[in-house]
């Protein structure tokens, strides 16, 4: 599987996966 966002390998940093970008209000 995949998620919209995932953790960069070896870290806990959230990076794009099935989503390429996102915006928060």
PDBML (XML) file of the C-alpha atoms, coordinates in Angstrom:
<?xml version="1.0" encoding="UTF-8" ?>
<PDBx:datablock datablockName="MODEL"
   xmlns:PDBx="http://pdbml.pdb.org/schema/pdbx-v50.xsd"
   xmlns:xsi="http://www.w3.org/2001/XMLSchema-instance"
   xsi:schemaLocation="http://pdbml.pdb.org/schema/pdbx-v50.xsd pdbx-v50.xsd">
   <PDBx:atom_siteCategory>
      <PDBx:atom_site id="1">
         <PDBx:B_iso_or_equiv>0.00</PDBx:B_iso_or_equiv>
         <PDBx:Cartn_x>0.000</PDBx:Cartn_x>
         <PDBx:Cartn_y>0.000</PDBx:Cartn_y>
         <PDBx:Cartn_z>0.000</PDBx:Cartn_z>
         <PDBx:auth_asym_id>A</PDBx:auth_asym_id>
         <PDBx:auth_atom_id>CA</PDBx:auth_atom_id>
         <PDBx:auth_comp_id>UNK</PDBx:auth_comp_id>
         <PDBx:auth_seq_id>1</PDBx:auth_seq_id>
         <PDBx:group_PDB>ATOM</PDBx:group_PDB>
         <PDBx:label_alt_id xsi:nil="true" />
         <PDBx:label_asym_id>A</PDBx:label_asym_id>
         <PDBx:label_atom_id>CA</PDBx:label_atom_id>
         <PDBx:label_comp_id>UNK</PDBx:label_comp_id>
         <PDBx:label_entity_id>1</PDBx:label_entity_id>
         <PDBx:label_seq_id>1</PDBx:label_seq_id>
         <PDBx:occupancy>1.00</PDBx:occupancy>
         <PDBx:pdbx_PDB_model_num>1</PDBx:pdbx_PDB_model_num>
         <PDBx:type_symbol>C</PDBx:type_symbol>
      </PDBx:atom_site>
      <PDBx:atom_site id="2">
         <PDBx:B_iso_or_equiv>0.00</PDBx:B_iso_or_equiv>
         <PDBx:Cartn_x>0.516</PDBx:Cartn_x>
         <PDBx:Cartn_y>3.754</PDBx:Cartn_y>
         <PDBx:Cartn_z>0.065</PDBx:Cartn_z>
         <PDBx:auth_asym_id>A</PDBx:auth_asym_id>
         <PDBx:auth_atom_id>CA</PDBx:auth_atom_id>
         <PDBx:auth_comp_id>UNK</PDBx:auth_comp_id>
         <PDBx:auth_seq_id>2</PDBx:auth_seq_id>
         <PDBx:group_PDB>ATOM</PDBx:group_PDB>
         <PDBx:label_alt_id xsi:nil="true" />
         <PDBx:label_asym_id>A</PDBx:label_asym_id>
         <PDBx:label_atom_id>CA</PDBx:label_atom_id>
         <PDBx:label_comp_id>UNK</PDBx:label_comp_id>
         <PDBx:label_entity_id>1</PDBx:label_entity_id>
         <PDBx:label_seq_id>2</PDBx:label_seq_id>
         <PDBx:occupancy>1.00</PDBx:occupancy>
         <PDBx:pdbx_PDB_model_num>1</PDBx:pdbx_PDB_model_num>
         <PDBx:type_symbol>C</PDBx:type_symbol>
      </PDBx:atom_site>
      <PDBx:atom_site id="3">
         <PDBx:B_iso_or_equiv>0.00</PDBx:B_iso_or_equiv>
         <PDBx:Cartn_x>-0.903</PDBx:Cartn_x>
         <PDBx:Cartn_y>6.720</PDBx:Cartn_y>
         <PDBx:Cartn_z>1.975</PDBx:Cartn_z>
         <PDBx:auth_asym_id>A</PDBx:auth_asym_id>
         <PDBx:auth_atom_id>CA</PDBx:auth_atom_id>
         <PDBx:auth_comp_id>UNK</PDBx:auth_comp_id>
         <PDBx:auth_seq_id>3</PDBx:auth_seq_id>
         <PDBx:group_PDB>ATOM</PDBx:group_PDB>
         <PDBx:label_alt_id xsi:nil="true" />
         <PDBx:label_asym_id>A</PDBx:label_asym_id>
         <PDBx:label_atom_id>CA</PDBx:label_atom_id>
         <PDBx:label_comp_id>UNK</PDBx:label_comp_id>
         <PDBx:label_entity_id>1</PDBx:label_entity_id>
         <PDBx:label_seq_id>3</PDBx:label_seq_id>
         <PDBx:occupancy>1.00</PDBx:occupancy>
         <PDBx:pdbx_PDB_model_num>1</PDBx:pdbx_PDB_model_num>
         <PDBx:type_symbol>C</PDBx:type_symbol>
      </PDBx:atom_site>
      <PDBx:atom_site id="4">
         <PDBx:B_iso_or_equiv>0.00</PDBx:B_iso_or_equiv>
         <PDBx:Cartn_x>-1.637</PDBx:Cartn_x>
         <PDBx:Cartn_y>10.276</PDBx:Cartn_y>
         <PDBx:Cartn_z>0.823</PDBx:Cartn_z>
         <PDBx:auth_asym_id>A</PDBx:auth_asym_id>
         <PDBx:auth_atom_id>CA</PDBx:auth_atom_id>
         <PDBx:auth_comp_id>UNK</PDBx:auth_comp_id>
         <PDBx:auth_seq_id>4</PDBx:auth_seq_id>
         <PDBx:group_PDB>ATOM</PDBx:group_PDB>
         <PDBx:label_alt_id xsi:nil="true" />
         <PDBx:label_asym_id>A</PDBx:label_asym_id>
         <PDBx:label_atom_id>CA</PDBx:label_atom_id>
         <PDBx:label_comp_id>UNK</PDBx:label_comp_id>
         <PDBx:label_entity_id>1</PDBx:label_entity_id>
         <PDBx:label_seq_id>4</PDBx:label_seq_id>
         <PDBx:occupancy>1.00</PDBx:occupancy>
         <PDBx:pdbx_PDB_model_num>1</PDBx:pdbx_PDB_model_num>
         <PDBx:type_symbol>C</PDBx:type_symbol>
      </PDBx:atom_site>
      <PDBx:atom_site id="5">
         <PDBx:B_iso_or_equiv>0.00</PDBx:B_iso_or_equiv>
         <PDBx:Cartn_x>1.415</PDBx:Cartn_x>
         <PDBx:Cartn_y>11.319</PDBx:Cartn_y>
         <PDBx:Cartn_z>2.818</PDBx:Cartn_z>
         <PDBx:auth_asym_id>A</PDBx:auth_asym_id>
         <PDBx:auth_atom_id>CA</PDBx:auth_atom_id>
         <PDBx:auth_comp_id>UNK</PDBx:auth_comp_id>
         <PDBx:auth_seq_id>5</PDBx:auth_seq_id>
         <PDBx:group_PDB>ATOM</PDBx:group_PDB>
         <PDBx:label_alt_id xsi:nil="true" />
         <PDBx:label_asym_id>A</PDBx:label_asym_id>
         <PDBx:label_atom_id>CA</PDBx:label_atom_id>
         <PDBx:label_comp_id>UNK</PDBx:label_comp_id>
         <PDBx:label_entity_id>1</PDBx:label_entity_id>
         <PDBx:label_seq_id>5</PDBx:label_seq_id>
         <PDBx:occupancy>1.00</PDBx:occupancy>
         <PDBx:pdbx_PDB_model_num>1</PDBx:pdbx_PDB_model_num>
         <PDBx:type_symbol>C</PDBx:type_symbol>
      </PDBx:atom_site>
      <PDBx:atom_site id="6">
         <PDBx:B_iso_or_equiv>0.00</PDBx:B_iso_or_equiv>
         <PDBx:Cartn_x>4.096</PDBx:Cartn_x>
         <PDBx:Cartn_y>9.066</PDBx:Cartn_y>
         <PDBx:Cartn_z>4.263</PDBx:Cartn_z>
         <PDBx:auth_asym_id>A</PDBx:auth_asym_id>
         <PDBx:auth_atom_id>CA</PDBx:auth_atom_id>
         <PDBx:auth_comp_id>UNK</PDBx:auth_comp_id>
         <PDBx:auth_seq_id>6</PDBx:auth_seq_id>
         <PDBx:group_PDB>ATOM</PDBx:group_PDB>
         <PDBx:label_alt_id xsi:nil="true" />
         <PDBx:label_asym_id>A</PDBx:label_asym_id>
         <PDBx:label_atom_id>CA</PDBx:label_atom_id>
         <PDBx:label_comp_id>UNK</PDBx:label_comp_id>
         <PDBx:label_entity_id>1</PDBx:label_entity_id>
         <PDBx:label_seq_id>6</PDBx:label_seq_id>
         <PDBx:occupancy>1.00</PDBx:occupancy>
         <PDBx:pdbx_PDB_model_num>1</PDBx:pdbx_PDB_model_num>
         <PDBx:type_symbol>C</PDBx:type_symbol>
      </PDBx:atom_site>
      <PDBx:atom_site id="7">
         <PDBx:B_iso_or_equiv>0.00</PDBx:B_iso_or_equiv>
         <PDBx:Cartn_x>7.205</PDBx:Cartn_x>
         <PDBx:Cartn_y>9.299</PDBx:Cartn_y>
         <PDBx:Cartn_z>6.418</PDBx:Cartn_z>
         <PDBx:auth_asym_id>A</PDBx:auth_asym_id>
         <PDBx:auth_atom_id>CA</PDBx:auth_atom_id>
         <PDBx:auth_comp_id>UNK</PDBx:auth_comp_id>
         <PDBx:auth_seq_id>7</PDBx:auth_seq_id>
         <PDBx:group_PDB>ATOM</PDBx:group_PDB>
         <PDBx:label_alt_id xsi:nil="true" />
         <PDBx:label_asym_id>A</PDBx:label_asym_id>
         <PDBx:label_atom_id>CA</PDBx:label_atom_id>
         <PDBx:label_comp_id>UNK</PDBx:label_comp_id>
         <PDBx:label_entity_id>1</PDBx:label_entity_id>
         <PDBx:label_seq_id>7</PDBx:label_seq_id>
         <PDBx:occupancy>1.00</PDBx:occupancy>
         <PDBx:pdbx_PDB_model_num>1</PDBx:pdbx_PDB_model_num>
         <PDBx:type_symbol>C</PDBx:type_symbol>
      </PDBx:atom_site>
      <PDBx:atom_site id="8">
         <PDBx:B_iso_or_equiv>0.00</PDBx:B_iso_or_equiv>
         <PDBx:Cartn_x>10.465</PDBx:Cartn_x>
         <PDBx:Cartn_y>9.876</PDBx:Cartn_y>
         <PDBx:Cartn_z>4.621</PDBx:Cartn_z>
         <PDBx:auth_asym_id>A</PDBx:auth_asym_id>
         <PDBx:auth_atom_id>CA</PDBx:auth_atom_id>
         <PDBx:auth_comp_id>UNK</PDBx:auth_comp_id>
         <PDBx:auth_seq_id>8</PDBx:auth_seq_id>
         <PDBx:group_PDB>ATOM</PDBx:group_PDB>
         <PDBx:label_alt_id xsi:nil="true" />
         <PDBx:label_asym_id>A</PDBx:label_asym_id>
         <PDBx:label_atom_id>CA</PDBx:label_atom_id>
         <PDBx:label_comp_id>UNK</PDBx:label_comp_id>
         <PDBx:label_entity_id>1</PDBx:label_entity_id>
         <PDBx:label_seq_id>8</PDBx:label_seq_id>
         <PDBx:occupancy>1.00</PDBx:occupancy>
         <PDBx:pdbx_PDB_model_num>1</PDBx:pdbx_PDB_model_num>
         <PDBx:type_symbol>C</PDBx:type_symbol>
      </PDBx:atom_site>
      <PDBx:atom_site id="9">
         <PDBx:B_iso_or_equiv>0.00</PDBx:B_iso_or_equiv>
         <PDBx:Cartn_x>12.614</PDBx:Cartn_x>
         <PDBx:Cartn_y>6.762</PDBx:Cartn_y>
         <PDBx:Cartn_z>4.912</PDBx:Cartn_z>
         <PDBx:auth_asym_id>A</PDBx:auth_asym_id>
         <PDBx:auth_atom_id>CA</PDBx:auth_atom_id>
         <PDBx:auth_comp_id>UNK</PDBx:auth_comp_id>
         <PDBx:auth_seq_id>9</PDBx:auth_seq_id>
         <PDBx:group_PDB>ATOM</PDBx:group_PDB>
         <PDBx:label_alt_id xsi:nil="true" />
         <PDBx:label_asym_id>A</PDBx:label_asym_id>
         <PDBx:label_atom_id>CA</PDBx:label_atom_id>
         <PDBx:label_comp_id>UNK</PDBx:label_comp_id>
         <PDBx:label_entity_id>1</PDBx:label_entity_id>
         <PDBx:label_seq_id>9</PDBx:label_seq_id>
         <PDBx:occupancy>1.00</PDBx:occupancy>
         <PDBx:pdbx_PDB_model_num>1</PDBx:pdbx_PDB_model_num>
         <PDBx:type_symbol>C</PDBx:type_symbol>
      </PDBx:atom_site>
      <PDBx:atom_site id="10">
         <PDBx:B_iso_or_equiv>0.00</PDBx:B_iso_or_equiv>
         <PDBx:Cartn_x>14.610</PDBx:Cartn_x>
         <PDBx:Cartn_y>6.735</PDBx:Cartn_y>
         <PDBx:Cartn_z>8.133</PDBx:Cartn_z>
         <PDBx:auth_asym_id>A</PDBx:auth_asym_id>
         <PDBx:auth_atom_id>CA</PDBx:auth_atom_id>
         <PDBx:auth_comp_id>UNK</PDBx:auth_comp_id>
         <PDBx:auth_seq_id>10</PDBx:auth_seq_id>
         <PDBx:group_PDB>ATOM</PDBx:group_PDB>
         <PDBx:label_alt_id xsi:nil="true" />
         <PDBx:label_asym_id>A</PDBx:label_asym_id>
         <PDBx:label_atom_id>CA</PDBx:label_atom_id>
         <PDBx:label_comp_id>UNK</PDBx:label_comp_id>
         <PDBx:label_entity_id>1</PDBx:label_entity_id>
         <PDBx:label_seq_id>10</PDBx:label_seq_id>
         <PDBx:occupancy>1.00</PDBx:occupancy>
         <PDBx:pdbx_PDB_model_num>1</PDBx:pdbx_PDB_model_num>
         <PDBx:type_symbol>C</PDBx:type_symbol>
      </PDBx:atom_site>
      <PDBx:atom_site id="11">
         <PDBx:B_iso_or_equiv>0.00</PDBx:B_iso_or_equiv>
         <PDBx:Cartn_x>12.833</PDBx:Cartn_x>
         <PDBx:Cartn_y>9.792</PDBx:Cartn_y>
         <PDBx:Cartn_z>9.583</PDBx:Cartn_z>
         <PDBx:auth_asym_id>A</PDBx:auth_asym_id>
         <PDBx:auth_atom_id>CA</PDBx:auth_atom_id>
         <PDBx:auth_comp_id>UNK</PDBx:auth_comp_id>
         <PDBx:auth_seq_id>11</PDBx:auth_seq_id>
         <PDBx:group_PDB>ATOM</PDBx:group_PDB>
         <PDBx:label_alt_id xsi:nil="true" />
         <PDBx:label_asym_id>A</PDBx:label_asym_id>
         <PDBx:label_atom_id>CA</PDBx:label_atom_id>
         <PDBx:label_comp_id>UNK</PDBx:label_comp_id>
         <PDBx:label_entity_id>1</PDBx:label_entity_id>
         <PDBx:label_seq_id>11</PDBx:label_seq_id>
         <PDBx:occupancy>1.00</PDBx:occupancy>
         <PDBx:pdbx_PDB_model_num>1</PDBx:pdbx_PDB_model_num>
         <PDBx:type_symbol>C</PDBx:type_symbol>
      </PDBx:atom_site>
      <PDBx:atom_site id="12">
         <PDBx:B_iso_or_equiv>0.00</PDBx:B_iso_or_equiv>
         <PDBx:Cartn_x>9.502</PDBx:Cartn_x>
         <PDBx:Cartn_y>10.982</PDBx:Cartn_y>
         <PDBx:Cartn_z>10.955</PDBx:Cartn_z>
         <PDBx:auth_asym_id>A</PDBx:auth_asym_id>
         <PDBx:auth_atom_id>CA</PDBx:auth_atom_id>
         <PDBx:auth_comp_id>UNK</PDBx:auth_comp_id>
         <PDBx:auth_seq_id>12</PDBx:auth_seq_id>
         <PDBx:group_PDB>ATOM</PDBx:group_PDB>
         <PDBx:label_alt_id xsi:nil="true" />
         <PDBx:label_asym_id>A</PDBx:label_asym_id>
         <PDBx:label_atom_id>CA</PDBx:label_atom_id>
         <PDBx:label_comp_id>UNK</PDBx:label_comp_id>
         <PDBx:label_entity_id>1</PDBx:label_entity_id>
         <PDBx:label_seq_id>12</PDBx:label_seq_id>
         <PDBx:occupancy>1.00</PDBx:occupancy>
         <PDBx:pdbx_PDB_model_num>1</PDBx:pdbx_PDB_model_num>
         <PDBx:type_symbol>C</PDBx:type_symbol>
      </PDBx:atom_site>
      <PDBx:atom_site id="13">
         <PDBx:B_iso_or_equiv>0.00</PDBx:B_iso_or_equiv>
         <PDBx:Cartn_x>9.237</PDBx:Cartn_x>
         <PDBx:Cartn_y>13.782</PDBx:Cartn_y>
         <PDBx:Cartn_z>8.379</PDBx:Cartn_z>
         <PDBx:auth_asym_id>A</PDBx:auth_asym_id>
         <PDBx:auth_atom_id>CA</PDBx:auth_atom_id>
         <PDBx:auth_comp_id>UNK</PDBx:auth_comp_id>
         <PDBx:auth_seq_id>13</PDBx:auth_seq_id>
         <PDBx:group_PDB>ATOM</PDBx:group_PDB>
         <PDBx:label_alt_id xsi:nil="true" />
         <PDBx:label_asym_id>A</PDBx:label_asym_id>
         <PDBx:label_atom_id>CA</PDBx:label_atom_id>
         <PDBx:label_comp_id>UNK</PDBx:label_comp_id>
         <PDBx:label_entity_id>1</PDBx:label_entity_id>
         <PDBx:label_seq_id>13</PDBx:label_seq_id>
         <PDBx:occupancy>1.00</PDBx:occupancy>
         <PDBx:pdbx_PDB_model_num>1</PDBx:pdbx_PDB_model_num>
         <PDBx:type_symbol>C</PDBx:type_symbol>
      </PDBx:atom_site>
      <PDBx:atom_site id="14">
         <PDBx:B_iso_or_equiv>0.00</PDBx:B_iso_or_equiv>
         <PDBx:Cartn_x>5.907</PDBx:Cartn_x>
         <PDBx:Cartn_y>13.804</PDBx:Cartn_y>
         <PDBx:Cartn_z>6.498</PDBx:Cartn_z>
         <PDBx:auth_asym_id>A</PDBx:auth_asym_id>
         <PDBx:auth_atom_id>CA</PDBx:auth_atom_id>
         <PDBx:auth_comp_id>UNK</PDBx:auth_comp_id>
         <PDBx:auth_seq_id>14</PDBx:auth_seq_id>
         <PDBx:group_PDB>ATOM</PDBx:group_PDB>
         <PDBx:label_alt_id xsi:nil="true" />
         <PDBx:label_asym_id>A</PDBx:label_asym_id>
         <PDBx:label_atom_id>CA</PDBx:label_atom_id>
         <PDBx:label_comp_id>UNK</PDBx:label_comp_id>
         <PDBx:label_entity_id>1</PDBx:label_entity_id>
         <PDBx:label_seq_id>14</PDBx:label_seq_id>
         <PDBx:occupancy>1.00</PDBx:occupancy>
         <PDBx:pdbx_PDB_model_num>1</PDBx:pdbx_PDB_model_num>
         <PDBx:type_symbol>C</PDBx:type_symbol>
      </PDBx:atom_site>
      <PDBx:atom_site id="15">
         <PDBx:B_iso_or_equiv>0.00</PDBx:B_iso_or_equiv>
         <PDBx:Cartn_x>6.414</PDBx:Cartn_x>
         <PDBx:Cartn_y>13.863</PDBx:Cartn_y>
         <PDBx:Cartn_z>2.718</PDBx:Cartn_z>
         <PDBx:auth_asym_id>A</PDBx:auth_asym_id>
         <PDBx:auth_atom_id>CA</PDBx:auth_atom_id>
         <PDBx:auth_comp_id>UNK</PDBx:auth_comp_id>
         <PDBx:auth_seq_id>15</PDBx:auth_seq_id>
         <PDBx:group_PDB>ATOM</PDBx:group_PDB>
         <PDBx:label_alt_id xsi:nil="true" />
         <PDBx:label_asym_id>A</PDBx:label_asym_id>
         <PDBx:label_atom_id>CA</PDBx:label_atom_id>
         <PDBx:label_comp_id>UNK</PDBx:label_comp_id>
         <PDBx:label_entity_id>1</PDBx:label_entity_id>
         <PDBx:label_seq_id>15</PDBx:label_seq_id>
         <PDBx:occupancy>1.00</PDBx:occupancy>
         <PDBx:pdbx_PDB_model_num>1</PDBx:pdbx_PDB_model_num>
         <PDBx:type_symbol>C</PDBx:type_symbol>
      </PDBx:atom_site>
      <PDBx:atom_site id="16">
         <PDBx:B_iso_or_equiv>0.00</PDBx:B_iso_or_equiv>
         <PDBx:Cartn_x>4.115</PDBx:Cartn_x>
         <PDBx:Cartn_y>13.576</PDBx:Cartn_y>
         <PDBx:Cartn_z>-0.339</PDBx:Cartn_z>
         <PDBx:auth_asym_id>A</PDBx:auth_asym_id>
         <PDBx:auth_atom_id>CA</PDBx:auth_atom_id>
         <PDBx:auth_comp_id>UNK</PDBx:auth_comp_id>
         <PDBx:auth_seq_id>16</PDBx:auth_seq_id>
         <PDBx:group_PDB>ATOM</PDBx:group_PDB>
         <PDBx:label_alt_id xsi:nil="true" />
         <PDBx:label_asym_id>A</PDBx:label_asym_id>
         <PDBx:label_atom_id>CA</PDBx:label_atom_id>
         <PDBx:label_comp_id>UNK</PDBx:label_comp_id>
         <PDBx:label_entity_id>1</PDBx:label_entity_id>
         <PDBx:label_seq_id>16</PDBx:label_seq_id>
         <PDBx:occupancy>1.00</PDBx:occupancy>
         <PDBx:pdbx_PDB_model_num>1</PDBx:pdbx_PDB_model_num>
         <PDBx:type_symbol>C</PDBx:type_symbol>
      </PDBx:atom_site>
      <PDBx:atom_site id="17">
         <PDBx:B_iso_or_equiv>0.00</PDBx:B_iso_or_equiv>
         <PDBx:Cartn_x>3.079</PDBx:Cartn_x>
         <PDBx:Cartn_y>10.132</PDBx:Cartn_y>
         <PDBx:Cartn_z>-1.566</PDBx:Cartn_z>
         <PDBx:auth_asym_id>A</PDBx:auth_asym_id>
         <PDBx:auth_atom_id>CA</PDBx:auth_atom_id>
         <PDBx:auth_comp_id>UNK</PDBx:auth_comp_id>
         <PDBx:auth_seq_id>17</PDBx:auth_seq_id>
         <PDBx:group_PDB>ATOM</PDBx:group_PDB>
         <PDBx:label_alt_id xsi:nil="true" />
         <PDBx:label_asym_id>A</PDBx:label_asym_id>
         <PDBx:label_atom_id>CA</PDBx:label_atom_id>
         <PDBx:label_comp_id>UNK</PDBx:label_comp_id>
         <PDBx:label_entity_id>1</PDBx:label_entity_id>
         <PDBx:label_seq_id>17</PDBx:label_seq_id>
         <PDBx:occupancy>1.00</PDBx:occupancy>
         <PDBx:pdbx_PDB_model_num>1</PDBx:pdbx_PDB_model_num>
         <PDBx:type_symbol>C</PDBx:type_symbol>
      </PDBx:atom_site>
      <PDBx:atom_site id="18">
         <PDBx:B_iso_or_equiv>0.00</PDBx:B_iso_or_equiv>
         <PDBx:Cartn_x>-0.303</PDBx:Cartn_x>
         <PDBx:Cartn_y>9.602</PDBx:Cartn_y>
         <PDBx:Cartn_z>-3.251</PDBx:Cartn_z>
         <PDBx:auth_asym_id>A</PDBx:auth_asym_id>
         <PDBx:auth_atom_id>CA</PDBx:auth_atom_id>
         <PDBx:auth_comp_id>UNK</PDBx:auth_comp_id>
         <PDBx:auth_seq_id>18</PDBx:auth_seq_id>
         <PDBx:group_PDB>ATOM</PDBx:group_PDB>
         <PDBx:label_alt_id xsi:nil="true" />
         <PDBx:label_asym_id>A</PDBx:label_asym_id>
         <PDBx:label_atom_id>CA</PDBx:label_atom_id>
         <PDBx:label_comp_id>UNK</PDBx:label_comp_id>
         <PDBx:label_entity_id>1</PDBx:label_entity_id>
         <PDBx:label_seq_id>18</PDBx:label_seq_id>
         <PDBx:occupancy>1.00</PDBx:occupancy>
         <PDBx:pdbx_PDB_model_num>1</PDBx:pdbx_PDB_model_num>
         <PDBx:type_symbol>C</PDBx:type_symbol>
      </PDBx:atom_site>
      <PDBx:atom_site id="19">
         <PDBx:B_iso_or_equiv>0.00</PDBx:B_iso_or_equiv>
         <PDBx:Cartn_x>-0.882</PDBx:Cartn_x>
         <PDBx:Cartn_y>13.309</PDBx:Cartn_y>
         <PDBx:Cartn_z>-2.687</PDBx:Cartn_z>
         <PDBx:auth_asym_id>A</PDBx:auth_asym_id>
         <PDBx:auth_atom_id>CA</PDBx:auth_atom_id>
         <PDBx:auth_comp_id>UNK</PDBx:auth_comp_id>
         <PDBx:auth_seq_id>19</PDBx:auth_seq_id>
         <PDBx:group_PDB>ATOM</PDBx:group_PDB>
         <PDBx:label_alt_id xsi:nil="true" />
         <PDBx:label_asym_id>A</PDBx:label_asym_id>
         <PDBx:label_atom_id>CA</PDBx:label_atom_id>
         <PDBx:label_comp_id>UNK</PDBx:label_comp_id>
         <PDBx:label_entity_id>1</PDBx:label_entity_id>
         <PDBx:label_seq_id>19</PDBx:label_seq_id>
         <PDBx:occupancy>1.00</PDBx:occupancy>
         <PDBx:pdbx_PDB_model_num>1</PDBx:pdbx_PDB_model_num>
         <PDBx:type_symbol>C</PDBx:type_symbol>
      </PDBx:atom_site>
      <PDBx:atom_site id="20">
         <PDBx:B_iso_or_equiv>0.00</PDBx:B_iso_or_equiv>
         <PDBx:Cartn_x>1.605</PDBx:Cartn_x>
         <PDBx:Cartn_y>15.609</PDBx:Cartn_y>
         <PDBx:Cartn_z>-4.414</PDBx:Cartn_z>
         <PDBx:auth_asym_id>A</PDBx:auth_asym_id>
         <PDBx:auth_atom_id>CA</PDBx:auth_atom_id>
         <PDBx:auth_comp_id>UNK</PDBx:auth_comp_id>
         <PDBx:auth_seq_id>20</PDBx:auth_seq_id>
         <PDBx:group_PDB>ATOM</PDBx:group_PDB>
         <PDBx:label_alt_id xsi:nil="true" />
         <PDBx:label_asym_id>A</PDBx:label_asym_id>
         <PDBx:label_atom_id>CA</PDBx:label_atom_id>
         <PDBx:label_comp_id>UNK</PDBx:label_comp_id>
         <PDBx:label_entity_id>1</PDBx:label_entity_id>
         <PDBx:label_seq_id>20</PDBx:label_seq_id>
         <PDBx:occupancy>1.00</PDBx:occupancy>
         <PDBx:pdbx_PDB_model_num>1</PDBx:pdbx_PDB_model_num>
         <PDBx:type_symbol>C</PDBx:type_symbol>
      </PDBx:atom_site>
      <PDBx:atom_site id="21">
         <PDBx:B_iso_or_equiv>0.00</PDBx:B_iso_or_equiv>
         <PDBx:Cartn_x>0.751</PDBx:Cartn_x>
         <PDBx:Cartn_y>18.644</PDBx:Cartn_y>
         <PDBx:Cartn_z>-2.276</PDBx:Cartn_z>
         <PDBx:auth_asym_id>A</PDBx:auth_asym_id>
         <PDBx:auth_atom_id>CA</PDBx:auth_atom_id>
         <PDBx:auth_comp_id>UNK</PDBx:auth_comp_id>
         <PDBx:auth_seq_id>21</PDBx:auth_seq_id>
         <PDBx:group_PDB>ATOM</PDBx:group_PDB>
         <PDBx:label_alt_id xsi:nil="true" />
         <PDBx:label_asym_id>A</PDBx:label_asym_id>
         <PDBx:label_atom_id>CA</PDBx:label_atom_id>
         <PDBx:label_comp_id>UNK</PDBx:label_comp_id>
         <PDBx:label_entity_id>1</PDBx:label_entity_id>
         <PDBx:label_seq_id>21</PDBx:label_seq_id>
         <PDBx:occupancy>1.00</PDBx:occupancy>
         <PDBx:pdbx_PDB_model_num>1</PDBx:pdbx_PDB_model_num>
         <PDBx:type_symbol>C</PDBx:type_symbol>
      </PDBx:atom_site>
      <PDBx:atom_site id="22">
         <PDBx:B_iso_or_equiv>0.00</PDBx:B_iso_or_equiv>
         <PDBx:Cartn_x>-1.715</PDBx:Cartn_x>
         <PDBx:Cartn_y>19.948</PDBx:Cartn_y>
         <PDBx:Cartn_z>0.299</PDBx:Cartn_z>
         <PDBx:auth_asym_id>A</PDBx:auth_asym_id>
         <PDBx:auth_atom_id>CA</PDBx:auth_atom_id>
         <PDBx:auth_comp_id>UNK</PDBx:auth_comp_id>
         <PDBx:auth_seq_id>22</PDBx:auth_seq_id>
         <PDBx:group_PDB>ATOM</PDBx:group_PDB>
         <PDBx:label_alt_id xsi:nil="true" />
         <PDBx:label_asym_id>A</PDBx:label_asym_id>
         <PDBx:label_atom_id>CA</PDBx:label_atom_id>
         <PDBx:label_comp_id>UNK</PDBx:label_comp_id>
         <PDBx:label_entity_id>1</PDBx:label_entity_id>
         <PDBx:label_seq_id>22</PDBx:label_seq_id>
         <PDBx:occupancy>1.00</PDBx:occupancy>
         <PDBx:pdbx_PDB_model_num>1</PDBx:pdbx_PDB_model_num>
         <PDBx:type_symbol>C</PDBx:type_symbol>
      </PDBx:atom_site>
      <PDBx:atom_site id="23">
         <PDBx:B_iso_or_equiv>0.00</PDBx:B_iso_or_equiv>
         <PDBx:Cartn_x>-2.988</PDBx:Cartn_x>
         <PDBx:Cartn_y>23.191</PDBx:Cartn_y>
         <PDBx:Cartn_z>1.764</PDBx:Cartn_z>
         <PDBx:auth_asym_id>A</PDBx:auth_asym_id>
         <PDBx:auth_atom_id>CA</PDBx:auth_atom_id>
         <PDBx:auth_comp_id>UNK</PDBx:auth_comp_id>
         <PDBx:auth_seq_id>23</PDBx:auth_seq_id>
         <PDBx:group_PDB>ATOM</PDBx:group_PDB>
         <PDBx:label_alt_id xsi:nil="true" />
         <PDBx:label_asym_id>A</PDBx:label_asym_id>
         <PDBx:label_atom_id>CA</PDBx:label_atom_id>
         <PDBx:label_comp_id>UNK</PDBx:label_comp_id>
         <PDBx:label_entity_id>1</PDBx:label_entity_id>
         <PDBx:label_seq_id>23</PDBx:label_seq_id>
         <PDBx:occupancy>1.00</PDBx:occupancy>
         <PDBx:pdbx_PDB_model_num>1</PDBx:pdbx_PDB_model_num>
         <PDBx:type_symbol>C</PDBx:type_symbol>
      </PDBx:atom_site>
      <PDBx:atom_site id="24">
         <PDBx:B_iso_or_equiv>0.00</PDBx:B_iso_or_equiv>
         <PDBx:Cartn_x>-4.381</PDBx:Cartn_x>
         <PDBx:Cartn_y>23.916</PDBx:Cartn_y>
         <PDBx:Cartn_z>5.237</PDBx:Cartn_z>
         <PDBx:auth_asym_id>A</PDBx:auth_asym_id>
         <PDBx:auth_atom_id>CA</PDBx:auth_atom_id>
         <PDBx:auth_comp_id>UNK</PDBx:auth_comp_id>
         <PDBx:auth_seq_id>24</PDBx:auth_seq_id>
         <PDBx:group_PDB>ATOM</PDBx:group_PDB>
         <PDBx:label_alt_id xsi:nil="true" />
         <PDBx:label_asym_id>A</PDBx:label_asym_id>
         <PDBx:label_atom_id>CA</PDBx:label_atom_id>
         <PDBx:label_comp_id>UNK</PDBx:label_comp_id>
         <PDBx:label_entity_id>1</PDBx:label_entity_id>
         <PDBx:label_seq_id>24</PDBx:label_seq_id>
         <PDBx:occupancy>1.00</PDBx:occupancy>
         <PDBx:pdbx_PDB_model_num>1</PDBx:pdbx_PDB_model_num>
         <PDBx:type_symbol>C</PDBx:type_symbol>
      </PDBx:atom_site>
      <PDBx:atom_site id="25">
         <PDBx:B_iso_or_equiv>0.00</PDBx:B_iso_or_equiv>
         <PDBx:Cartn_x>-6.915</PDBx:Cartn_x>
         <PDBx:Cartn_y>26.664</PDBx:Cartn_y>
         <PDBx:Cartn_z>5.875</PDBx:Cartn_z>
         <PDBx:auth_asym_id>A</PDBx:auth_asym_id>
         <PDBx:auth_atom_id>CA</PDBx:auth_atom_id>
         <PDBx:auth_comp_id>UNK</PDBx:auth_comp_id>
         <PDBx:auth_seq_id>25</PDBx:auth_seq_id>
         <PDBx:group_PDB>ATOM</PDBx:group_PDB>
         <PDBx:label_alt_id xsi:nil="true" />
         <PDBx:label_asym_id>A</PDBx:label_asym_id>
         <PDBx:label_atom_id>CA</PDBx:label_atom_id>
         <PDBx:label_comp_id>UNK</PDBx:label_comp_id>
         <PDBx:label_entity_id>1</PDBx:label_entity_id>
         <PDBx:label_seq_id>25</PDBx:label_seq_id>
         <PDBx:occupancy>1.00</PDBx:occupancy>
         <PDBx:pdbx_PDB_model_num>1</PDBx:pdbx_PDB_model_num>
         <PDBx:type_symbol>C</PDBx:type_symbol>
      </PDBx:atom_site>
   </PDBx:atom_siteCategory>
</PDBx:datablock>
